[in-house]
Amino acid sequence: MKEKVIIQICMGSSCFSRGNNKTLEVIRHYLDEHQLSGDVVLKGNHCFGDCSKGPVVKINDHIHEEIDRENILELLQKTFNT
């Protein structure tokens, strides 16, 4: 059985207001478009501790900072080899 990819998106007020609300939409759309929803655990997180570098997304054990629409797509493509 293949291990699921864990995507945690910071939903703290700083990251959310700086764009993670849009990032969440992009992630959901990407997962649906590539039929990957069953391979992923997608969950919100309150804070990763460094709001000045947000928006922040954690994929498995790697924290990614300053996330926007373009670099989240690149990360997803790299993660899922699409």
N, C-alpha and C. Protein backbone atom coordinates (compact mmCIF):
# COMPACT_ATOMS: atom_id res chain seq x y z
N MET A 1 0.83 -1.19 0.00
CA MET A 1 0.00 0.00 0.00
C MET A 1 0.88 1.25 0.00
N LYS A 2 0.56 2.15 -0.89
CA LYS A 2 1.31 3.39 -1.05
C LYS A 2 0.99 4.35 0.10
N GLU A 3 2.04 4.96 0.67
CA GLU A 3 1.83 5.93 1.74
C GLU A 3 1.25 7.22 1.19
N LYS A 4 0.33 7.80 1.93
CA LYS A 4 -0.29 9.04 1.50
C LYS A 4 0.64 10.22 1.73
N VAL A 5 0.56 11.19 0.84
CA VAL A 5 1.28 12.44 0.99
C VAL A 5 0.49 13.30 1.97
N ILE A 6 1.18 13.88 2.94
CA ILE A 6 0.51 14.74 3.91
C ILE A 6 0.82 16.19 3.57
N ILE A 7 -0.24 16.94 3.26
CA ILE A 7 -0.11 18.36 2.97
C ILE A 7 -0.81 19.12 4.08
N GLN A 8 -0.03 19.95 4.78
CA GLN A 8 -0.58 20.78 5.85
C GLN A 8 -0.44 22.24 5.42
N ILE A 9 -1.52 22.94 5.46
CA ILE A 9 -1.52 24.33 5.04
C ILE A 9 -1.81 25.21 6.26
N CYS A 10 -0.96 26.21 6.47
CA CYS A 10 -1.14 27.09 7.61
C CYS A 10 -2.39 27.94 7.39
N MET A 11 -3.30 27.88 8.36
CA MET A 11 -4.52 28.66 8.29
C MET A 11 -4.53 29.76 9.36
N GLY A 12 -3.37 30.03 9.94
CA GLY A 12 -3.25 31.14 10.88
C GLY A 12 -3.58 32.44 10.17
N SER A 13 -3.96 33.44 10.92
CA SER A 13 -4.45 34.69 10.31
C SER A 13 -3.44 35.34 9.38
N SER A 14 -2.16 35.30 9.71
CA SER A 14 -1.15 35.93 8.86
C SER A 14 -1.02 35.21 7.51
N CYS A 15 -0.83 33.90 7.55
CA CYS A 15 -0.69 33.13 6.31
C CYS A 15 -1.98 33.15 5.50
N PHE A 16 -3.11 33.04 6.19
CA PHE A 16 -4.39 33.02 5.49
C PHE A 16 -4.62 34.34 4.75
N SER A 17 -4.37 35.46 5.44
CA SER A 17 -4.61 36.76 4.80
C SER A 17 -3.57 37.08 3.73
N ARG A 18 -2.42 36.43 3.79
CA ARG A 18 -1.36 36.67 2.80
C ARG A 18 -1.45 35.73 1.61
N GLY A 19 -2.48 34.88 1.59
CA GLY A 19 -2.69 34.10 0.37
C GLY A 19 -2.96 32.63 0.51
N ASN A 20 -2.86 32.06 1.71
CA ASN A 20 -3.09 30.63 1.81
C ASN A 20 -4.54 30.25 1.56
N ASN A 21 -5.46 31.21 1.65
CA ASN A 21 -6.83 30.91 1.26
C ASN A 21 -6.88 30.56 -0.23
N LYS A 22 -6.14 31.27 -1.04
CA LYS A 22 -6.06 30.98 -2.49
C LYS A 22 -5.24 29.72 -2.74
N THR A 23 -4.19 29.53 -1.96
CA THR A 23 -3.35 28.34 -2.10
C THR A 23 -4.17 27.08 -1.88
N LEU A 24 -5.04 27.11 -0.89
CA LEU A 24 -5.91 25.97 -0.61
C LEU A 24 -6.77 25.63 -1.82
N GLU A 25 -7.32 26.65 -2.46
CA GLU A 25 -8.13 26.44 -3.67
C GLU A 25 -7.30 25.79 -4.77
N VAL A 26 -6.07 26.27 -4.96
CA VAL A 26 -5.19 25.73 -6.00
C VAL A 26 -4.86 24.26 -5.71
N ILE A 27 -4.56 23.94 -4.45
CA ILE A 27 -4.24 22.56 -4.08
C ILE A 27 -5.44 21.65 -4.34
N ARG A 28 -6.60 22.05 -3.89
CA ARG A 28 -7.80 21.22 -4.09
C ARG A 28 -8.07 21.00 -5.58
N HIS A 29 -7.96 22.06 -6.37
CA HIS A 29 -8.19 21.94 -7.81
C HIS A 29 -7.16 20.99 -8.44
N TYR A 30 -5.91 21.14 -8.08
CA TYR A 30 -4.85 20.29 -8.61
C TYR A 30 -5.11 18.82 -8.28
N LEU A 31 -5.45 18.55 -7.02
CA LEU A 31 -5.69 17.17 -6.61
C LEU A 31 -6.88 16.57 -7.35
N ASP A 32 -7.95 17.35 -7.52
CA ASP A 32 -9.11 16.87 -8.27
C ASP A 32 -8.77 16.64 -9.73
N GLU A 33 -8.09 17.60 -10.33
CA GLU A 33 -7.74 17.54 -11.75
C GLU A 33 -6.86 16.33 -12.07
N HIS A 34 -5.98 15.96 -11.14
CA HIS A 34 -5.07 14.84 -11.37
C HIS A 34 -5.52 13.56 -10.65
N GLN A 35 -6.73 13.59 -10.13
CA GLN A 35 -7.32 12.43 -9.45
C GLN A 35 -6.39 11.88 -8.37
N LEU A 36 -5.90 12.80 -7.53
CA LEU A 36 -4.96 12.44 -6.48
C LEU A 36 -5.55 12.57 -5.08
N SER A 37 -6.79 12.94 -4.98
CA SER A 37 -7.40 13.19 -3.67
C SER A 37 -7.28 11.99 -2.74
N GLY A 38 -7.36 10.78 -3.27
CA GLY A 38 -7.26 9.59 -2.46
C GLY A 38 -5.85 9.28 -1.98
N ASP A 39 -4.86 9.96 -2.58
CA ASP A 39 -3.46 9.73 -2.23
C ASP A 39 -2.92 10.74 -1.24
N VAL A 40 -3.80 11.64 -0.77
CA VAL A 40 -3.35 12.79 0.02
C VAL A 40 -4.18 12.94 1.28
N VAL A 41 -3.50 13.34 2.36
CA VAL A 41 -4.18 13.82 3.56
C VAL A 41 -3.94 15.33 3.54
N LEU A 42 -5.02 16.09 3.36
CA LEU A 42 -4.93 17.54 3.31
C LEU A 42 -5.57 18.10 4.57
N LYS A 43 -4.78 18.86 5.32
CA LYS A 43 -5.33 19.40 6.55
C LYS A 43 -4.78 20.78 6.84
N GLY A 44 -5.57 21.55 7.57
CA GLY A 44 -5.16 22.87 8.00
C GLY A 44 -4.35 22.77 9.28
N ASN A 45 -3.49 23.71 9.46
CA ASN A 45 -2.67 23.78 10.66
C ASN A 45 -2.75 25.21 11.17
N HIS A 46 -2.63 25.41 12.46
CA HIS A 46 -2.77 26.77 12.97
C HIS A 46 -1.54 27.62 12.68
N CYS A 47 -0.35 27.12 12.96
CA CYS A 47 0.85 27.94 12.75
C CYS A 47 2.07 27.04 12.73
N PHE A 48 3.05 27.41 11.91
CA PHE A 48 4.32 26.70 11.87
C PHE A 48 5.42 27.48 12.57
N GLY A 49 5.09 28.66 13.13
CA GLY A 49 6.01 29.37 13.99
C GLY A 49 6.81 30.51 13.39
N ASP A 50 6.76 30.73 12.09
CA ASP A 50 7.51 31.84 11.51
C ASP A 50 6.63 32.59 10.52
N CYS A 51 5.73 33.38 11.08
CA CYS A 51 4.72 34.08 10.27
C CYS A 51 5.34 35.03 9.25
N SER A 52 6.53 35.56 9.52
CA SER A 52 7.14 36.52 8.61
C SER A 52 7.53 35.88 7.28
N LYS A 53 7.60 34.55 7.24
CA LYS A 53 8.00 33.87 6.01
C LYS A 53 6.82 33.20 5.32
N GLY A 54 5.62 33.55 5.72
CA GLY A 54 4.42 32.96 5.16
C GLY A 54 4.06 33.55 3.82
N PRO A 55 3.10 32.96 3.21
CA PRO A 55 2.33 31.79 3.56
C PRO A 55 3.19 30.52 3.58
N VAL A 56 2.84 29.62 4.50
CA VAL A 56 3.60 28.41 4.72
C VAL A 56 2.74 27.17 4.43
N VAL A 57 3.36 26.19 3.76
CA VAL A 57 2.73 24.90 3.50
C VAL A 57 3.77 23.84 3.84
N LYS A 58 3.34 22.77 4.49
CA LYS A 58 4.23 21.65 4.81
C LYS A 58 3.78 20.44 4.00
N ILE A 59 4.70 19.87 3.24
CA ILE A 59 4.42 18.66 2.47
C ILE A 59 5.30 17.57 3.03
N ASN A 60 4.66 16.56 3.60
CA ASN A 60 5.34 15.52 4.37
C ASN A 60 6.19 16.19 5.44
N ASP A 61 7.49 16.05 5.40
CA ASP A 61 8.34 16.62 6.46
C ASP A 61 9.02 17.92 6.05
N HIS A 62 8.65 18.48 4.91
CA HIS A 62 9.34 19.67 4.40
C HIS A 62 8.44 20.90 4.47
N ILE A 63 8.93 21.93 5.13
CA ILE A 63 8.21 23.20 5.24
C ILE A 63 8.62 24.09 4.08
N HIS A 64 7.63 24.65 3.40
CA HIS A 64 7.86 25.54 2.27
C HIS A 64 7.29 26.90 2.63
N GLU A 65 8.10 27.93 2.44
CA GLU A 65 7.73 29.29 2.83
C GLU A 65 7.49 30.16 1.61
N GLU A 66 6.81 31.29 1.87
CA GLU A 66 6.51 32.27 0.82
C GLU A 66 5.81 31.63 -0.37
N ILE A 67 4.79 30.87 -0.07
CA ILE A 67 4.04 30.14 -1.09
C ILE A 67 3.07 31.06 -1.82
N ASP A 68 3.00 30.88 -3.12
CA ASP A 68 2.00 31.59 -3.93
C ASP A 68 1.45 30.60 -4.96
N ARG A 69 0.56 31.07 -5.82
CA ARG A 69 -0.11 30.18 -6.78
C ARG A 69 0.88 29.44 -7.68
N GLU A 70 1.93 30.12 -8.11
CA GLU A 70 2.87 29.50 -9.04
C GLU A 70 3.77 28.47 -8.35
N ASN A 71 4.38 28.85 -7.22
CA ASN A 71 5.31 27.90 -6.63
C ASN A 71 4.60 26.72 -5.96
N ILE A 72 3.35 26.87 -5.57
CA ILE A 72 2.64 25.70 -5.05
C ILE A 72 2.39 24.70 -6.17
N LEU A 73 2.10 25.17 -7.36
CA LEU A 73 1.93 24.26 -8.50
C LEU A 73 3.23 23.52 -8.79
N GLU A 74 4.34 24.23 -8.75
CA GLU A 74 5.64 23.59 -8.98
C GLU A 74 5.92 22.52 -7.92
N LEU A 75 5.60 22.82 -6.65
CA LEU A 75 5.81 21.86 -5.58
C LEU A 75 4.93 20.62 -5.76
N LEU A 76 3.68 20.84 -6.15
CA LEU A 76 2.77 19.72 -6.36
C LEU A 76 3.24 18.86 -7.54
N GLN A 77 3.66 19.48 -8.61
CA GLN A 77 4.16 18.74 -9.77
C GLN A 77 5.39 17.92 -9.40
N LYS A 78 6.28 18.50 -8.62
CA LYS A 78 7.47 17.80 -8.17
C LYS A 78 7.12 16.64 -7.23
N THR A 79 6.21 16.90 -6.31
CA THR A 79 5.80 15.88 -5.33
C THR A 79 5.15 14.68 -6.00
N PHE A 80 4.29 14.95 -7.00
CA PHE A 80 3.51 13.88 -7.62
C PHE A 80 4.04 13.47 -8.99
N ASN A 81 5.15 14.04 -9.43
CA ASN A 81 5.75 13.72 -10.73
C ASN A 81 4.75 13.84 -11.86
N THR A 82 4.04 14.97 -11.88
CA THR A 82 3.05 15.18 -12.95
C THR A 82 3.50 16.25 -13.92
